[in-house]
Protein backbone atom coordinates (compact mmCIF):
# COMPACT_ATOMS: atom_id res chain seq x y z
CA MET A 1 30.01 -17.97 -1.15
CA CYS A 2 30.25 -17.92 2.56
CA ARG A 3 33.15 -19.60 4.22
CA THR A 4 32.51 -22.46 6.69
CA THR A 5 33.67 -21.95 10.08
CA SER A 6 36.85 -24.16 9.28
CA GLN A 7 37.59 -22.01 6.62
CA LYS A 8 37.49 -18.70 8.70
CA ASN A 9 40.23 -19.97 10.67
CA LYS A 10 42.61 -20.74 7.76
CA THR A 11 44.84 -17.94 7.06
CA SER A 12 44.41 -16.72 3.65
CA GLU A 13 46.19 -13.93 1.66
CA LEU A 14 44.14 -10.24 1.01
CA GLN A 15 43.43 -9.85 -2.32
CA GLU A 16 43.84 -6.96 -4.27
CA GLY A 17 42.05 -3.67 -2.85
CA GLU A 18 41.31 -5.68 0.63
CA GLU A 19 45.13 -4.30 1.67
CA TRP A 20 43.21 -1.46 4.32
CA ILE A 21 42.24 -4.16 5.98
CA LYS A 22 45.93 -4.73 7.83
CA THR A 23 45.19 -1.39 8.92
CA PHE A 24 41.55 -1.03 9.83
CA ASP A 25 40.92 -0.20 13.71
CA VAL A 26 38.08 -2.34 15.03
CA ASN A 27 37.59 -0.29 18.09
CA ALA A 28 37.86 2.90 16.44
CA PHE A 29 35.39 1.42 14.13
CA ARG A 30 33.29 0.51 16.69
CA ALA A 31 33.04 3.72 18.66
CA ASP A 32 32.46 5.91 15.00
CA ILE A 33 29.26 2.93 15.12
CA LYS A 34 28.53 3.76 18.81
CA ALA A 35 28.73 7.46 18.11
CA LEU A 36 26.54 7.45 14.95
CA GLY A 37 23.97 5.04 16.54
CA ASP A 38 23.69 7.79 19.73
CA LYS A 39 23.43 10.84 17.36
CA LEU A 40 20.25 9.23 15.42
CA GLU A 41 18.58 7.78 18.54
CA ALA A 42 18.99 11.37 20.17
CA GLN A 43 16.91 12.74 16.63
CA GLN A 44 14.09 10.41 16.93
CA GLY A 45 10.72 12.16 17.94
CA GLU A 46 7.34 13.63 16.26
CA ASP A 47 8.88 13.49 12.80
CA ASP A 48 9.55 9.69 12.97
CA VAL A 49 5.98 9.15 14.26
CA ARG A 50 4.35 11.49 11.61
CA HIS A 51 5.81 9.24 8.95
CA LEU A 52 4.94 6.25 10.52
CA ASN A 53 1.16 7.53 10.81
CA LYS A 54 1.42 8.80 7.32
CA ILE A 55 2.68 5.28 5.61
CA VAL A 56 -0.18 3.35 8.16
CA GLY A 57 -2.96 6.05 6.70
CA TRP A 58 -1.69 5.21 3.11
CA SER A 59 -1.26 1.36 3.84
CA ASN A 60 -4.93 1.77 5.16
CA MET A 61 -6.04 3.84 2.18
CA CYS A 62 -4.71 0.72 -0.03
CA ALA A 63 -6.56 -2.12 1.74
CA ALA A 64 -10.01 0.07 1.84
CA LEU A 65 -9.66 0.48 -1.69
CA GLY A 66 -8.73 -3.01 -2.73
CA ILE A 67 -11.68 -4.54 -0.75
CA LEU A 68 -14.18 -2.18 -2.19
CA THR A 69 -13.26 -2.63 -5.74
CA MET A 70 -12.79 -6.54 -5.34
CA GLY A 71 -16.49 -7.44 -5.92
CA PHE A 72 -16.61 -6.07 -9.12
CA GLN A 73 -14.80 -8.20 -11.19
CA VAL A 74 -11.40 -9.84 -10.93
CA ASN A 75 -9.15 -6.36 -12.04
CA ILE A 76 -5.61 -5.20 -11.53
CA PHE A 77 -6.54 -2.16 -9.44
CA SER A 78 -7.68 -4.33 -6.60
CA ILE A 79 -4.71 -6.89 -6.83
CA PHE A 80 -2.37 -4.12 -6.78
CA MET A 81 -4.15 -2.34 -4.12
CA LEU A 82 -4.63 -5.37 -1.52
CA SER A 83 -0.98 -6.26 -2.54
CA THR A 84 0.56 -2.89 -1.75
CA TRP A 85 -1.56 -3.27 1.44
CA THR A 86 0.31 -6.48 2.56
CA PHE A 87 3.52 -5.56 1.12
CA SER A 88 3.81 -1.92 3.15
CA ARG A 89 2.40 -3.89 6.49
CA TRP A 90 5.22 -6.19 6.04
CA THR A 91 8.21 -4.35 5.06
CA MET A 92 7.50 -0.79 6.07
CA ILE A 93 5.59 -1.03 9.32
CA ALA A 94 6.17 -4.44 10.81
CA HIS A 95 9.60 -4.72 9.82
CA HIS A 96 10.67 -1.05 11.38
CA THR A 97 8.35 -2.20 14.32
CA CYS A 98 9.40 -5.43 14.99
CA HIS A 99 13.21 -4.10 15.07
CA GLY A 100 12.63 -1.84 17.67
CA GLY A 101 12.58 1.33 15.35
CA TYR A 102 9.39 3.08 17.41
CA ASP A 103 10.17 1.91 21.04
CA LYS A 104 11.70 4.90 22.30
CA CYS A 105 9.51 7.72 20.11
CA HIS A 106 6.12 6.58 19.86
CA PRO A 107 3.46 8.06 22.33
CA ASN A 108 1.46 4.41 22.08
CA LYS A 109 3.91 2.09 23.67
CA GLY A 110 1.32 -0.50 24.16
CA ARG A 111 1.08 -1.22 20.15
CA TRP A 112 4.04 0.67 18.56
CA ASN A 113 6.74 -1.76 20.60
CA ARG A 114 8.47 -4.65 19.00
CA PHE A 115 7.19 -7.31 22.22
CA LYS A 116 3.66 -5.72 21.62
CA PHE A 117 3.02 -4.95 17.91
CA ALA A 118 0.31 -7.55 16.15
CA VAL A 119 0.28 -9.68 19.32
CA GLY A 120 -1.60 -10.57 22.24
CA SER A 121 -4.99 -10.87 20.50
CA ILE A 122 -6.47 -11.80 17.18
CA TRP A 123 -7.88 -7.89 16.99
CA ARG A 124 -4.07 -6.79 17.23
CA ARG A 125 -2.79 -8.96 14.52
CA ILE A 126 -5.70 -8.09 12.05
CA CYS A 127 -5.11 -4.49 12.57
CA ASP A 128 -1.33 -4.49 13.07
CA TRP A 129 0.03 -7.10 10.86
CA LEU A 130 -2.34 -9.12 8.56
CA ASP A 131 -0.30 -11.75 7.56
CA TRP A 132 0.60 -15.65 7.62
CA MET A 133 4.08 -15.51 9.48
CA MET A 134 3.47 -15.01 13.07
CA PRO A 135 5.36 -11.67 14.64
CA GLU A 136 6.75 -14.16 17.30
CA ALA A 137 8.40 -16.42 14.85
CA TRP A 138 9.42 -13.51 12.43
CA ASN A 139 11.22 -12.12 15.62
CA VAL A 140 13.14 -15.52 16.71
CA GLU A 141 14.10 -16.04 12.75
CA HIS A 142 14.71 -12.50 11.63
CA ASN A 143 15.83 -10.60 14.59
CA ASN A 144 17.64 -13.19 16.02
CA ARG A 145 18.99 -16.04 13.21
CA HIS A 146 19.49 -13.98 10.61
CA HIS A 147 21.06 -10.70 12.20
CA TYR A 148 23.02 -12.59 14.50
CA ASN A 149 24.34 -14.57 11.46
CA LEU A 150 24.10 -12.07 8.71
CA SER A 151 25.58 -13.76 5.25
CA GLU A 152 27.20 -16.56 7.29
CA ILE A 153 26.21 -20.29 6.90
CA HIS A 154 23.53 -19.95 9.44
CA ASP A 155 21.72 -17.28 8.09
CA PRO A 156 18.40 -18.97 7.32
CA ASP A 157 18.09 -16.08 4.65
CA LEU A 158 21.43 -17.18 2.88
CA VAL A 159 20.42 -17.70 -0.69
CA GLU A 160 23.83 -19.43 -1.52
CA ALA A 161 23.14 -21.90 1.03
CA ASN A 162 19.49 -22.60 0.87
CA LEU A 163 20.07 -23.22 -3.13
CA SER A 164 23.51 -25.10 -2.83
CA ASP A 165 21.49 -28.44 -3.76
CA LEU A 166 20.34 -26.96 -6.47
CA ARG A 167 23.32 -25.56 -7.62
CA ASN A 168 25.14 -28.89 -7.52
CA SER A 169 22.53 -31.54 -8.68
CA ASP A 170 23.04 -33.01 -12.10
CA ALA A 171 19.26 -32.07 -13.26
CA PRO A 172 19.38 -30.12 -16.45
CA MET A 173 19.40 -26.38 -16.69
CA LEU A 174 15.87 -26.21 -17.76
CA LEU A 175 14.53 -28.44 -14.35
CA LYS A 176 16.82 -25.77 -12.33
CA TYR A 177 15.23 -22.34 -13.96
CA ALA A 178 11.55 -23.88 -13.04
CA GLN A 179 12.64 -24.55 -9.19
CA VAL A 180 13.71 -21.19 -9.25
CA ALA A 181 10.46 -19.67 -10.41
CA GLY A 182 8.64 -22.07 -8.33
CA ALA A 183 10.85 -20.79 -5.24
CA MET A 184 10.41 -17.20 -6.28
CA VAL A 185 6.58 -17.02 -6.15
CA THR A 186 6.36 -19.55 -2.92
CA TRP A 187 9.56 -18.39 -0.80
CA LYS A 188 7.07 -17.21 1.60
CA TRP A 189 5.84 -20.32 2.85
CA PHE A 190 9.02 -21.72 3.93
């Protein structure tokens, strides 16, 4: 579990295997990370754009196959194709684009940019990211609240903190498991 701000200020003994922390050079680590980032950014280019276009093509194919086959009857193929389309749009396309992964390398700056992807019109929203979550809201919660508080008590995605009421309740274990099962299938709505 994460430590609260008041707990972080208390001195604590290092655990076994954490001795390296005493000699850890934060400035050298920062310089190494910056150099790696600069190197990787310089390598961005056409290969990244081709990869994105391939993923978008596969995602669109899943959408088309799912939509074209869903009218026959309820079938696992349509369900799988539509869920793969939605999942790939969110996890592989929207996530990377909203983080700015294509800002500097994609020639179409009007679409593949963190501030323009899936915003501006209903058409862009449908074509880029047809999901219940607004891209602007995701940018605030994920890019700002989550990444700037990663694994800390203010991280909105911190499972330990989000389920602390359930963990500390006196409810029977079976009820706790049922609540977790419910959260697993509805987490995206909250």
